[in-house]
All heavy atoms as atom14 arrays in JSON, in Angstrom:
{
  "sequence": "FIGDKDVTNVAPKDRDIAMVFQSYALYPHMSVAENMGFALKIAGIAKE",
  "atom14_mask": [
    [1, 1, 1, 1, 1, 1, 1, 1, 1, 1, 1, 0, 0, 0],
    [1, 1, 1, 1, 1, 1, 1, 1, 0, 0, 0, 0, 0, 0],
    [1, 1, 1, 1, 0, 0, 0, 0, 0, 0, 0, 0, 0, 0],
    [1, 1, 1, 1, 1, 1, 1, 1, 0, 0, 0, 0, 0, 0],
    [1, 1, 1, 1, 1, 1, 1, 1, 1, 0, 0, 0, 0, 0],
    [1, 1, 1, 1, 1, 1, 1, 1, 0, 0, 0, 0, 0, 0],
    [1, 1, 1, 1, 1, 1, 1, 0, 0, 0, 0, 0, 0, 0],
    [1, 1, 1, 1, 1, 1, 1, 0, 0, 0, 0, 0, 0, 0],
    [1, 1, 1, 1, 1, 1, 1, 1, 0, 0, 0, 0, 0, 0],
    [1, 1, 1, 1, 1, 1, 1, 0, 0, 0, 0, 0, 0, 0],
    [1, 1, 1, 1, 1, 0, 0, 0, 0, 0, 0, 0, 0, 0],
    [1, 1, 1, 1, 1, 1, 1, 0, 0, 0, 0, 0, 0, 0],
    [1, 1, 1, 1, 1, 1, 1, 1, 1, 0, 0, 0, 0, 0],
    [1, 1, 1, 1, 1, 1, 1, 1, 0, 0, 0, 0, 0, 0],
    [1, 1, 1, 1, 1, 1, 1, 1, 1, 1, 1, 0, 0, 0],
    [1, 1, 1, 1, 1, 1, 1, 1, 0, 0, 0, 0, 0, 0],
    [1, 1, 1, 1, 1, 1, 1, 1, 0, 0, 0, 0, 0, 0],
    [1, 1, 1, 1, 1, 0, 0, 0, 0, 0, 0, 0, 0, 0],
    [1, 1, 1, 1, 1, 1, 1, 1, 0, 0, 0, 0, 0, 0],
    [1, 1, 1, 1, 1, 1, 1, 0, 0, 0, 0, 0, 0, 0],
    [1, 1, 1, 1, 1, 1, 1, 1, 1, 1, 1, 0, 0, 0],
    [1, 1, 1, 1, 1, 1, 1, 1, 1, 0, 0, 0, 0, 0],
    [1, 1, 1, 1, 1, 1, 0, 0, 0, 0, 0, 0, 0, 0],
    [1, 1, 1, 1, 1, 1, 1, 1, 1, 1, 1, 1, 0, 0],
    [1, 1, 1, 1, 1, 0, 0, 0, 0, 0, 0, 0, 0, 0],
    [1, 1, 1, 1, 1, 1, 1, 1, 0, 0, 0, 0, 0, 0],
    [1, 1, 1, 1, 1, 1, 1, 1, 1, 1, 1, 1, 0, 0],
    [1, 1, 1, 1, 1, 1, 1, 0, 0, 0, 0, 0, 0, 0],
    [1, 1, 1, 1, 1, 1, 1, 1, 1, 1, 0, 0, 0, 0],
    [1, 1, 1, 1, 1, 1, 1, 1, 0, 0, 0, 0, 0, 0],
    [1, 1, 1, 1, 1, 1, 0, 0, 0, 0, 0, 0, 0, 0],
    [1, 1, 1, 1, 1, 1, 1, 0, 0, 0, 0, 0, 0, 0],
    [1, 1, 1, 1, 1, 0, 0, 0, 0, 0, 0, 0, 0, 0],
    [1, 1, 1, 1, 1, 1, 1, 1, 1, 0, 0, 0, 0, 0],
    [1, 1, 1, 1, 1, 1, 1, 1, 0, 0, 0, 0, 0, 0],
    [1, 1, 1, 1, 1, 1, 1, 1, 0, 0, 0, 0, 0, 0],
    [1, 1, 1, 1, 0, 0, 0, 0, 0, 0, 0, 0, 0, 0],
    [1, 1, 1, 1, 1, 1, 1, 1, 1, 1, 1, 0, 0, 0],
    [1, 1, 1, 1, 1, 0, 0, 0, 0, 0, 0, 0, 0, 0],
    [1, 1, 1, 1, 1, 1, 1, 1, 0, 0, 0, 0, 0, 0],
    [1, 1, 1, 1, 1, 1, 1, 1, 1, 0, 0, 0, 0, 0],
    [1, 1, 1, 1, 1, 1, 1, 1, 0, 0, 0, 0, 0, 0],
    [1, 1, 1, 1, 1, 0, 0, 0, 0, 0, 0, 0, 0, 0],
    [1, 1, 1, 1, 0, 0, 0, 0, 0, 0, 0, 0, 0, 0],
    [1, 1, 1, 1, 1, 1, 1, 1, 0, 0, 0, 0, 0, 0],
    [1, 1, 1, 1, 1, 0, 0, 0, 0, 0, 0, 0, 0, 0],
    [1, 1, 1, 1, 1, 1, 1, 1, 1, 0, 0, 0, 0, 0],
    [1, 1, 1, 1, 1, 1, 1, 1, 1, 0, 0, 0, 0, 0]
  ],
  "atom14_positions": [
    [[-79.02, 47.66, 102.35], [-79.9, 48.8, 102.41], [-80.97, 48.79, 101.38], [-80.81, 48.26, 100.18], [-79.03, 50.12, 102.17], [-78.01, 50.51, 103.11], [-76.81, 49.68, 103.33], [-78.27, 51.49, 104.02], [-75.97, 50.09, 104.29], [-77.39, 51.84, 105.01], [-76.28, 51.12, 105.11], [0.0, 0.0, 0.0], [0.0, 0.0, 0.0], [0.0, 0.0, 0.0]],
    [[-82.28, 49.18, 101.8], [-83.26, 49.43, 100.84], [-83.52, 50.9, 100.9], [-83.95, 51.38, 101.89], [-84.56, 48.64, 101.15], [-84.2, 47.14, 101.1], [-85.66, 49.08, 100.29], [-85.45, 46.22, 101.49], [0.0, 0.0, 0.0], [0.0, 0.0, 0.0], [0.0, 0.0, 0.0], [0.0, 0.0, 0.0], [0.0, 0.0, 0.0], [0.0, 0.0, 0.0]],
    [[-83.22, 51.65, 99.75], [-83.31, 53.09, 99.76], [-82.22, 53.52, 100.73], [-81.1, 53.14, 100.67], [0.0, 0.0, 0.0], [0.0, 0.0, 0.0], [0.0, 0.0, 0.0], [0.0, 0.0, 0.0], [0.0, 0.0, 0.0], [0.0, 0.0, 0.0], [0.0, 0.0, 0.0], [0.0, 0.0, 0.0], [0.0, 0.0, 0.0], [0.0, 0.0, 0.0]],
    [[-82.49, 54.49, 101.68], [-81.57, 55.0, 102.59], [-81.47, 54.16, 103.84], [-80.82, 54.53, 104.82], [-81.83, 56.47, 102.73], [-81.65, 57.28, 101.62], [-80.66, 56.99, 100.79], [-82.33, 58.22, 101.48], [0.0, 0.0, 0.0], [0.0, 0.0, 0.0], [0.0, 0.0, 0.0], [0.0, 0.0, 0.0], [0.0, 0.0, 0.0], [0.0, 0.0, 0.0]],
    [[-82.34, 53.11, 103.99], [-82.54, 52.44, 105.18], [-81.79, 51.24, 105.31], [-81.83, 50.44, 104.4], [-84.11, 52.07, 105.36], [-84.49, 51.43, 106.73], [-86.04, 51.27, 106.75], [-86.26, 50.7, 108.1], [-87.82, 50.29, 108.15], [0.0, 0.0, 0.0], [0.0, 0.0, 0.0], [0.0, 0.0, 0.0], [0.0, 0.0, 0.0], [0.0, 0.0, 0.0]],
    [[-81.0, 51.16, 106.34], [-80.23, 49.87, 106.7], [-81.21, 48.85, 107.19], [-81.75, 48.92, 108.4], [-79.2, 50.19, 107.6], [-78.29, 48.91, 107.94], [-78.6, 47.79, 107.55], [-77.13, 49.14, 108.48], [0.0, 0.0, 0.0], [0.0, 0.0, 0.0], [0.0, 0.0, 0.0], [0.0, 0.0, 0.0], [0.0, 0.0, 0.0], [0.0, 0.0, 0.0]],
    [[-81.4, 47.73, 106.46], [-82.45, 46.77, 106.91], [-81.96, 45.48, 107.27], [-82.48, 44.36, 107.49], [-83.44, 46.39, 105.69], [-84.21, 47.69, 105.26], [-82.67, 45.89, 104.48], [0.0, 0.0, 0.0], [0.0, 0.0, 0.0], [0.0, 0.0, 0.0], [0.0, 0.0, 0.0], [0.0, 0.0, 0.0], [0.0, 0.0, 0.0], [0.0, 0.0, 0.0]],
    [[-80.43, 45.46, 107.53], [-79.68, 44.3, 107.94], [-80.47, 43.62, 109.07], [-80.53, 42.28, 109.07], [-78.29, 44.68, 108.33], [-77.81, 45.43, 107.12], [-77.49, 43.38, 108.61], [0.0, 0.0, 0.0], [0.0, 0.0, 0.0], [0.0, 0.0, 0.0], [0.0, 0.0, 0.0], [0.0, 0.0, 0.0], [0.0, 0.0, 0.0], [0.0, 0.0, 0.0]],
    [[-80.91, 44.25, 110.08], [-81.49, 43.56, 111.29], [-83.03, 43.96, 111.42], [-83.59, 43.82, 112.47], [-80.77, 44.1, 112.47], [-79.28, 43.64, 112.54], [-79.01, 42.45, 112.24], [-78.38, 44.65, 112.63], [0.0, 0.0, 0.0], [0.0, 0.0, 0.0], [0.0, 0.0, 0.0], [0.0, 0.0, 0.0], [0.0, 0.0, 0.0], [0.0, 0.0, 0.0]],
    [[-83.67, 44.38, 110.21], [-85.13, 44.57, 110.24], [-85.94, 43.44, 109.95], [-85.51, 42.61, 109.15], [-85.34, 45.86, 109.19], [-86.84, 46.11, 109.12], [-84.66, 47.02, 109.7], [0.0, 0.0, 0.0], [0.0, 0.0, 0.0], [0.0, 0.0, 0.0], [0.0, 0.0, 0.0], [0.0, 0.0, 0.0], [0.0, 0.0, 0.0], [0.0, 0.0, 0.0]],
    [[-86.99, 43.26, 110.7], [-87.79, 42.14, 110.44], [-88.48, 42.18, 108.95], [-88.68, 43.19, 108.38], [-89.03, 42.09, 111.46], [0.0, 0.0, 0.0], [0.0, 0.0, 0.0], [0.0, 0.0, 0.0], [0.0, 0.0, 0.0], [0.0, 0.0, 0.0], [0.0, 0.0, 0.0], [0.0, 0.0, 0.0], [0.0, 0.0, 0.0], [0.0, 0.0, 0.0]],
    [[-88.7, 40.89, 108.38], [-89.21, 40.75, 107.04], [-90.31, 41.8, 106.81], [-90.47, 42.38, 105.73], [-89.48, 39.33, 106.86], [-88.52, 38.68, 107.69], [-88.4, 39.54, 108.96], [0.0, 0.0, 0.0], [0.0, 0.0, 0.0], [0.0, 0.0, 0.0], [0.0, 0.0, 0.0], [0.0, 0.0, 0.0], [0.0, 0.0, 0.0], [0.0, 0.0, 0.0]],
    [[-91.29, 41.79, 107.65], [-92.58, 42.39, 107.51], [-92.35, 43.94, 107.51], [-93.36, 44.7, 107.12], [-93.63, 42.09, 108.66], [-93.32, 42.57, 110.05], [-94.2, 42.1, 111.08], [-93.75, 42.39, 112.5], [-93.72, 43.81, 112.67], [0.0, 0.0, 0.0], [0.0, 0.0, 0.0], [0.0, 0.0, 0.0], [0.0, 0.0, 0.0], [0.0, 0.0, 0.0]],
    [[-91.26, 44.46, 107.99], [-91.02, 45.95, 108.17], [-89.97, 46.38, 107.01], [-89.6, 47.48, 106.89], [-90.47, 46.2, 109.38], [-91.42, 45.93, 110.61], [-92.58, 46.18, 110.3], [-90.95, 45.43, 111.57], [0.0, 0.0, 0.0], [0.0, 0.0, 0.0], [0.0, 0.0, 0.0], [0.0, 0.0, 0.0], [0.0, 0.0, 0.0], [0.0, 0.0, 0.0]],
    [[-89.86, 45.5, 105.92], [-88.82, 45.84, 104.91], [-89.52, 46.46, 103.72], [-88.76, 46.95, 102.84], [-88.02, 44.66, 104.53], [-87.08, 44.17, 105.62], [-85.97, 43.28, 105.13], [-85.22, 42.77, 106.17], [-83.99, 42.18, 106.17], [-83.45, 42.16, 104.89], [-83.32, 41.83, 107.21], [0.0, 0.0, 0.0], [0.0, 0.0, 0.0], [0.0, 0.0, 0.0]],
    [[-90.84, 46.45, 103.74], [-91.63, 47.0, 102.51], [-91.25, 46.26, 101.21], [-90.91, 47.01, 100.1], [-91.37, 48.51, 102.41], [-92.48, 49.21, 101.53], [-93.52, 48.47, 101.26], [-92.36, 50.3, 101.15], [0.0, 0.0, 0.0], [0.0, 0.0, 0.0], [0.0, 0.0, 0.0], [0.0, 0.0, 0.0], [0.0, 0.0, 0.0], [0.0, 0.0, 0.0]],
    [[-91.1, 44.91, 101.22], [-90.93, 44.17, 100.04], [-92.09, 43.06, 99.89], [-92.78, 42.89, 100.77], [-89.61, 43.43, 100.22], [-89.56, 42.58, 101.51], [-88.41, 44.35, 100.17], [-89.85, 41.17, 101.41], [0.0, 0.0, 0.0], [0.0, 0.0, 0.0], [0.0, 0.0, 0.0], [0.0, 0.0, 0.0], [0.0, 0.0, 0.0], [0.0, 0.0, 0.0]],
    [[-92.27, 42.7, 98.7], [-93.22, 41.69, 98.35], [-92.47, 40.55, 97.61], [-91.67, 40.78, 96.71], [-94.42, 42.15, 97.55], [0.0, 0.0, 0.0], [0.0, 0.0, 0.0], [0.0, 0.0, 0.0], [0.0, 0.0, 0.0], [0.0, 0.0, 0.0], [0.0, 0.0, 0.0], [0.0, 0.0, 0.0], [0.0, 0.0, 0.0], [0.0, 0.0, 0.0]],
    [[-92.71, 39.33, 98.15], [-91.96, 38.24, 97.41], [-92.91, 37.2, 96.56], [-94.11, 37.0, 97.13], [-91.31, 37.37, 98.53], [-90.24, 36.4, 98.03], [-88.98, 36.09, 99.24], [-87.9, 34.97, 98.42], [0.0, 0.0, 0.0], [0.0, 0.0, 0.0], [0.0, 0.0, 0.0], [0.0, 0.0, 0.0], [0.0, 0.0, 0.0], [0.0, 0.0, 0.0]],
    [[-92.48, 36.72, 95.49], [-93.32, 35.91, 94.64], [-92.53, 34.52, 94.67], [-91.29, 34.45, 94.2], [-93.55, 36.26, 93.18], [-94.32, 35.2, 92.4], [-94.21, 37.62, 93.3], [0.0, 0.0, 0.0], [0.0, 0.0, 0.0], [0.0, 0.0, 0.0], [0.0, 0.0, 0.0], [0.0, 0.0, 0.0], [0.0, 0.0, 0.0], [0.0, 0.0, 0.0]],
    [[-93.08, 33.4, 95.14], [-92.4, 32.2, 95.29], [-92.63, 31.18, 94.12], [-93.55, 31.41, 93.35], [-92.72, 31.45, 96.62], [-92.41, 32.21, 97.82], [-93.34, 33.09, 98.43], [-91.22, 32.0, 98.45], [-93.03, 33.75, 99.69], [-90.91, 32.77, 99.66], [-91.79, 33.64, 100.21], [0.0, 0.0, 0.0], [0.0, 0.0, 0.0], [0.0, 0.0, 0.0]],
    [[-91.76, 30.31, 94.09], [-91.74, 29.29, 93.07], [-93.13, 28.41, 93.14], [-93.69, 28.03, 92.22], [-90.7, 28.29, 93.16], [-90.58, 27.12, 92.19], [-89.4, 26.19, 92.56], [-88.34, 26.65, 93.08], [-89.41, 25.0, 92.16], [0.0, 0.0, 0.0], [0.0, 0.0, 0.0], [0.0, 0.0, 0.0], [0.0, 0.0, 0.0], [0.0, 0.0, 0.0]],
    [[-93.57, 28.23, 94.4], [-94.63, 27.34, 94.57], [-95.98, 27.98, 94.71], [-97.02, 27.39, 95.01], [-94.48, 26.55, 96.08], [-94.35, 27.57, 96.98], [0.0, 0.0, 0.0], [0.0, 0.0, 0.0], [0.0, 0.0, 0.0], [0.0, 0.0, 0.0], [0.0, 0.0, 0.0], [0.0, 0.0, 0.0], [0.0, 0.0, 0.0], [0.0, 0.0, 0.0]],
    [[-96.09, 29.33, 94.45], [-97.4, 30.14, 94.33], [-97.82, 30.41, 95.66], [-98.09, 31.48, 96.16], [-98.54, 29.5, 93.49], [-98.12, 29.03, 92.17], [-98.74, 27.77, 91.73], [-97.13, 29.45, 91.34], [-98.48, 27.31, 90.53], [-96.77, 28.92, 90.15], [-97.5, 27.83, 89.71], [-97.17, 27.2, 88.43], [0.0, 0.0, 0.0], [0.0, 0.0, 0.0]],
    [[-97.88, 29.41, 96.61], [-98.36, 29.55, 98.05], [-99.58, 30.23, 98.11], [-99.79, 31.2, 99.0], [-97.24, 30.29, 98.89], [0.0, 0.0, 0.0], [0.0, 0.0, 0.0], [0.0, 0.0, 0.0], [0.0, 0.0, 0.0], [0.0, 0.0, 0.0], [0.0, 0.0, 0.0], [0.0, 0.0, 0.0], [0.0, 0.0, 0.0], [0.0, 0.0, 0.0]],
    [[-100.59, 29.8, 97.37], [-101.95, 30.39, 97.43], [-102.81, 29.61, 98.42], [-102.63, 28.37, 98.64], [-102.61, 30.28, 96.04], [-102.02, 30.96, 94.9], [-102.75, 30.84, 93.62], [-101.81, 32.47, 95.2], [0.0, 0.0, 0.0], [0.0, 0.0, 0.0], [0.0, 0.0, 0.0], [0.0, 0.0, 0.0], [0.0, 0.0, 0.0], [0.0, 0.0, 0.0]],
    [[-103.74, 30.21, 99.12], [-104.63, 29.62, 99.99], [-105.73, 28.91, 99.24], [-106.53, 29.59, 98.61], [-105.24, 30.65, 101.01], [-104.18, 31.31, 101.98], [-103.9, 32.53, 101.71], [-103.58, 30.53, 102.97], [-102.88, 33.16, 102.46], [-102.73, 31.12, 103.84], [-102.32, 32.51, 103.54], [-101.43, 33.11, 104.36], [0.0, 0.0, 0.0], [0.0, 0.0, 0.0]],
    [[-105.83, 27.49, 99.37], [-106.8, 26.86, 98.43], [-108.31, 27.16, 98.91], [-109.11, 26.97, 97.93], [-106.44, 25.31, 98.78], [-105.78, 25.29, 100.2], [-105.11, 26.67, 100.19], [0.0, 0.0, 0.0], [0.0, 0.0, 0.0], [0.0, 0.0, 0.0], [0.0, 0.0, 0.0], [0.0, 0.0, 0.0], [0.0, 0.0, 0.0], [0.0, 0.0, 0.0]],
    [[-108.62, 27.46, 100.05], [-109.97, 27.75, 100.4], [-110.42, 29.27, 100.14], [-111.59, 29.37, 100.28], [-110.15, 27.46, 102.02], [-109.41, 28.39, 102.8], [-108.1, 28.26, 102.88], [-109.74, 29.41, 103.56], [-107.62, 29.22, 103.74], [-108.47, 29.89, 104.19], [0.0, 0.0, 0.0], [0.0, 0.0, 0.0], [0.0, 0.0, 0.0], [0.0, 0.0, 0.0]],
    [[-109.57, 30.01, 99.6], [-109.79, 31.4, 99.36], [-110.14, 31.6, 97.81], [-109.37, 30.94, 97.03], [-108.82, 32.36, 99.84], [-108.73, 32.41, 101.3], [-107.44, 33.62, 101.75], [-107.5, 33.61, 103.59], [0.0, 0.0, 0.0], [0.0, 0.0, 0.0], [0.0, 0.0, 0.0], [0.0, 0.0, 0.0], [0.0, 0.0, 0.0], [0.0, 0.0, 0.0]],
    [[-110.8, 32.55, 97.43], [-111.04, 33.04, 95.95], [-109.78, 33.68, 95.6], [-108.97, 34.08, 96.43], [-112.17, 33.84, 95.82], [-111.99, 34.99, 96.49], [0.0, 0.0, 0.0], [0.0, 0.0, 0.0], [0.0, 0.0, 0.0], [0.0, 0.0, 0.0], [0.0, 0.0, 0.0], [0.0, 0.0, 0.0], [0.0, 0.0, 0.0], [0.0, 0.0, 0.0]],
    [[-109.72, 33.95, 94.36], [-108.64, 34.67, 93.74], [-108.51, 36.26, 94.44], [-107.5, 36.53, 94.94], [-108.73, 34.81, 92.28], [-107.85, 35.93, 91.55], [-108.36, 33.58, 91.52], [0.0, 0.0, 0.0], [0.0, 0.0, 0.0], [0.0, 0.0, 0.0], [0.0, 0.0, 0.0], [0.0, 0.0, 0.0], [0.0, 0.0, 0.0], [0.0, 0.0, 0.0]],
    [[-109.71, 36.64, 94.46], [-109.7, 38.12, 95.16], [-109.22, 37.99, 96.55], [-108.65, 38.9, 97.1], [-111.18, 38.66, 94.98], [0.0, 0.0, 0.0], [0.0, 0.0, 0.0], [0.0, 0.0, 0.0], [0.0, 0.0, 0.0], [0.0, 0.0, 0.0], [0.0, 0.0, 0.0], [0.0, 0.0, 0.0], [0.0, 0.0, 0.0], [0.0, 0.0, 0.0]],
    [[-109.7, 37.0, 97.38], [-109.42, 36.93, 98.71], [-107.89, 36.65, 98.9], [-107.25, 37.09, 99.71], [-110.18, 35.72, 99.33], [-111.7, 36.2, 99.57], [-112.56, 35.0, 100.02], [-112.12, 33.98, 99.63], [-113.61, 35.21, 100.55], [0.0, 0.0, 0.0], [0.0, 0.0, 0.0], [0.0, 0.0, 0.0], [0.0, 0.0, 0.0], [0.0, 0.0, 0.0]],
    [[-107.39, 35.8, 97.96], [-105.83, 35.51, 98.1], [-105.11, 36.81, 97.73], [-104.11, 37.07, 98.47], [-105.59, 34.46, 97.05], [-105.36, 33.15, 97.56], [-104.51, 32.8, 98.25], [-106.5, 32.27, 97.35], [0.0, 0.0, 0.0], [0.0, 0.0, 0.0], [0.0, 0.0, 0.0], [0.0, 0.0, 0.0], [0.0, 0.0, 0.0], [0.0, 0.0, 0.0]],
    [[-105.53, 37.69, 96.86], [-104.82, 38.84, 96.41], [-104.87, 39.84, 97.59], [-104.01, 40.56, 97.71], [-105.32, 39.33, 95.13], [-104.91, 38.5, 93.89], [-105.77, 38.91, 92.41], [-105.08, 40.63, 92.14], [0.0, 0.0, 0.0], [0.0, 0.0, 0.0], [0.0, 0.0, 0.0], [0.0, 0.0, 0.0], [0.0, 0.0, 0.0], [0.0, 0.0, 0.0]],
    [[-106.02, 40.02, 98.16], [-106.26, 40.93, 99.26], [-106.03, 40.65, 100.51], [-106.08, 41.42, 101.53], [0.0, 0.0, 0.0], [0.0, 0.0, 0.0], [0.0, 0.0, 0.0], [0.0, 0.0, 0.0], [0.0, 0.0, 0.0], [0.0, 0.0, 0.0], [0.0, 0.0, 0.0], [0.0, 0.0, 0.0], [0.0, 0.0, 0.0], [0.0, 0.0, 0.0]],
    [[-105.44, 39.32, 100.81], [-105.3, 38.71, 102.26], [-104.39, 39.66, 103.05], [-104.52, 39.99, 104.12], [-104.9, 37.29, 102.21], [-104.95, 36.68, 103.59], [-106.13, 36.57, 104.25], [-103.8, 36.35, 104.06], [-106.03, 36.03, 105.64], [-103.67, 35.72, 105.44], [-104.93, 35.61, 106.2], [0.0, 0.0, 0.0], [0.0, 0.0, 0.0], [0.0, 0.0, 0.0]],
    [[-103.2, 39.85, 102.42], [-102.06, 40.67, 103.19], [-102.59, 41.99, 103.54], [-102.15, 42.62, 104.58], [-100.89, 40.75, 102.37], [0.0, 0.0, 0.0], [0.0, 0.0, 0.0], [0.0, 0.0, 0.0], [0.0, 0.0, 0.0], [0.0, 0.0, 0.0], [0.0, 0.0, 0.0], [0.0, 0.0, 0.0], [0.0, 0.0, 0.0], [0.0, 0.0, 0.0]],
    [[-103.43, 42.65, 102.7], [-103.99, 43.97, 102.99], [-104.93, 43.82, 104.14], [-105.04, 44.74, 104.91], [-104.59, 44.49, 101.63], [-103.82, 44.72, 100.51], [-104.57, 45.26, 99.32], [-102.53, 45.41, 100.8], [0.0, 0.0, 0.0], [0.0, 0.0, 0.0], [0.0, 0.0, 0.0], [0.0, 0.0, 0.0], [0.0, 0.0, 0.0], [0.0, 0.0, 0.0]],
    [[-105.86, 42.77, 104.17], [-106.69, 42.59, 105.12], [-106.0, 42.56, 106.58], [-106.43, 43.16, 107.61], [-107.59, 41.45, 104.93], [-108.69, 41.11, 105.96], [-109.44, 39.97, 105.5], [-110.62, 39.7, 106.69], [-111.5, 38.51, 106.22], [0.0, 0.0, 0.0], [0.0, 0.0, 0.0], [0.0, 0.0, 0.0], [0.0, 0.0, 0.0], [0.0, 0.0, 0.0]],
    [[-104.96, 41.62, 106.62], [-104.14, 41.43, 107.86], [-103.6, 42.92, 108.27], [-103.4, 43.06, 109.48], [-103.1, 40.42, 107.52], [-103.61, 39.01, 107.38], [-102.1, 40.36, 108.77], [-104.46, 38.61, 108.51], [0.0, 0.0, 0.0], [0.0, 0.0, 0.0], [0.0, 0.0, 0.0], [0.0, 0.0, 0.0], [0.0, 0.0, 0.0], [0.0, 0.0, 0.0]],
    [[-103.17, 43.65, 107.38], [-102.51, 44.95, 107.62], [-103.65, 45.98, 108.07], [-103.15, 47.11, 108.39], [-101.79, 45.45, 106.41], [0.0, 0.0, 0.0], [0.0, 0.0, 0.0], [0.0, 0.0, 0.0], [0.0, 0.0, 0.0], [0.0, 0.0, 0.0], [0.0, 0.0, 0.0], [0.0, 0.0, 0.0], [0.0, 0.0, 0.0], [0.0, 0.0, 0.0]],
    [[-104.87, 45.65, 107.99], [-105.91, 46.61, 108.47], [-106.3, 47.62, 107.49], [-106.99, 48.7, 107.81], [0.0, 0.0, 0.0], [0.0, 0.0, 0.0], [0.0, 0.0, 0.0], [0.0, 0.0, 0.0], [0.0, 0.0, 0.0], [0.0, 0.0, 0.0], [0.0, 0.0, 0.0], [0.0, 0.0, 0.0], [0.0, 0.0, 0.0], [0.0, 0.0, 0.0]],
    [[-106.04, 47.27, 106.19], [-106.5, 48.16, 105.1], [-107.99, 48.05, 104.95], [-108.54, 47.0, 104.87], [-105.82, 47.89, 103.88], [-104.3, 47.93, 103.94], [-106.31, 48.84, 102.64], [-103.66, 49.32, 104.35], [0.0, 0.0, 0.0], [0.0, 0.0, 0.0], [0.0, 0.0, 0.0], [0.0, 0.0, 0.0], [0.0, 0.0, 0.0], [0.0, 0.0, 0.0]],
    [[-108.7, 49.17, 104.82], [-110.18, 49.29, 104.73], [-110.48, 48.44, 103.39], [-109.95, 48.46, 102.47], [-110.56, 50.63, 104.48], [0.0, 0.0, 0.0], [0.0, 0.0, 0.0], [0.0, 0.0, 0.0], [0.0, 0.0, 0.0], [0.0, 0.0, 0.0], [0.0, 0.0, 0.0], [0.0, 0.0, 0.0], [0.0, 0.0, 0.0], [0.0, 0.0, 0.0]],
    [[-111.86, 47.88, 103.58], [-112.29, 47.04, 102.5], [-112.35, 47.74, 101.18], [-112.06, 47.16, 100.07], [-113.7, 46.44, 102.86], [-114.19, 45.43, 101.89], [-115.53, 44.85, 102.28], [-115.97, 43.68, 101.42], [-115.96, 44.07, 99.95], [0.0, 0.0, 0.0], [0.0, 0.0, 0.0], [0.0, 0.0, 0.0], [0.0, 0.0, 0.0], [0.0, 0.0, 0.0]],
    [[-112.79, 49.01, 101.12], [-112.95, 49.7, 99.88], [-111.65, 49.82, 99.1], [-111.48, 49.64, 98.01], [-113.57, 51.04, 100.17], [-115.01, 51.06, 100.61], [-115.11, 50.62, 102.14], [-114.13, 50.66, 102.82], [-116.28, 50.31, 102.53], [0.0, 0.0, 0.0], [0.0, 0.0, 0.0], [0.0, 0.0, 0.0], [0.0, 0.0, 0.0], [0.0, 0.0, 0.0]]
  ]
}
């Protein structure tokens, strides 16, 4: 459970978690700002 929600069979993208890996997993062709904001861009968050 995360909070009151049973996430046992919930997809990773719908669990409202963020993971930091051992290998950093940064995109080499993107700037620091682009790397940090990429997940928000994919989620459709406005640029501002």
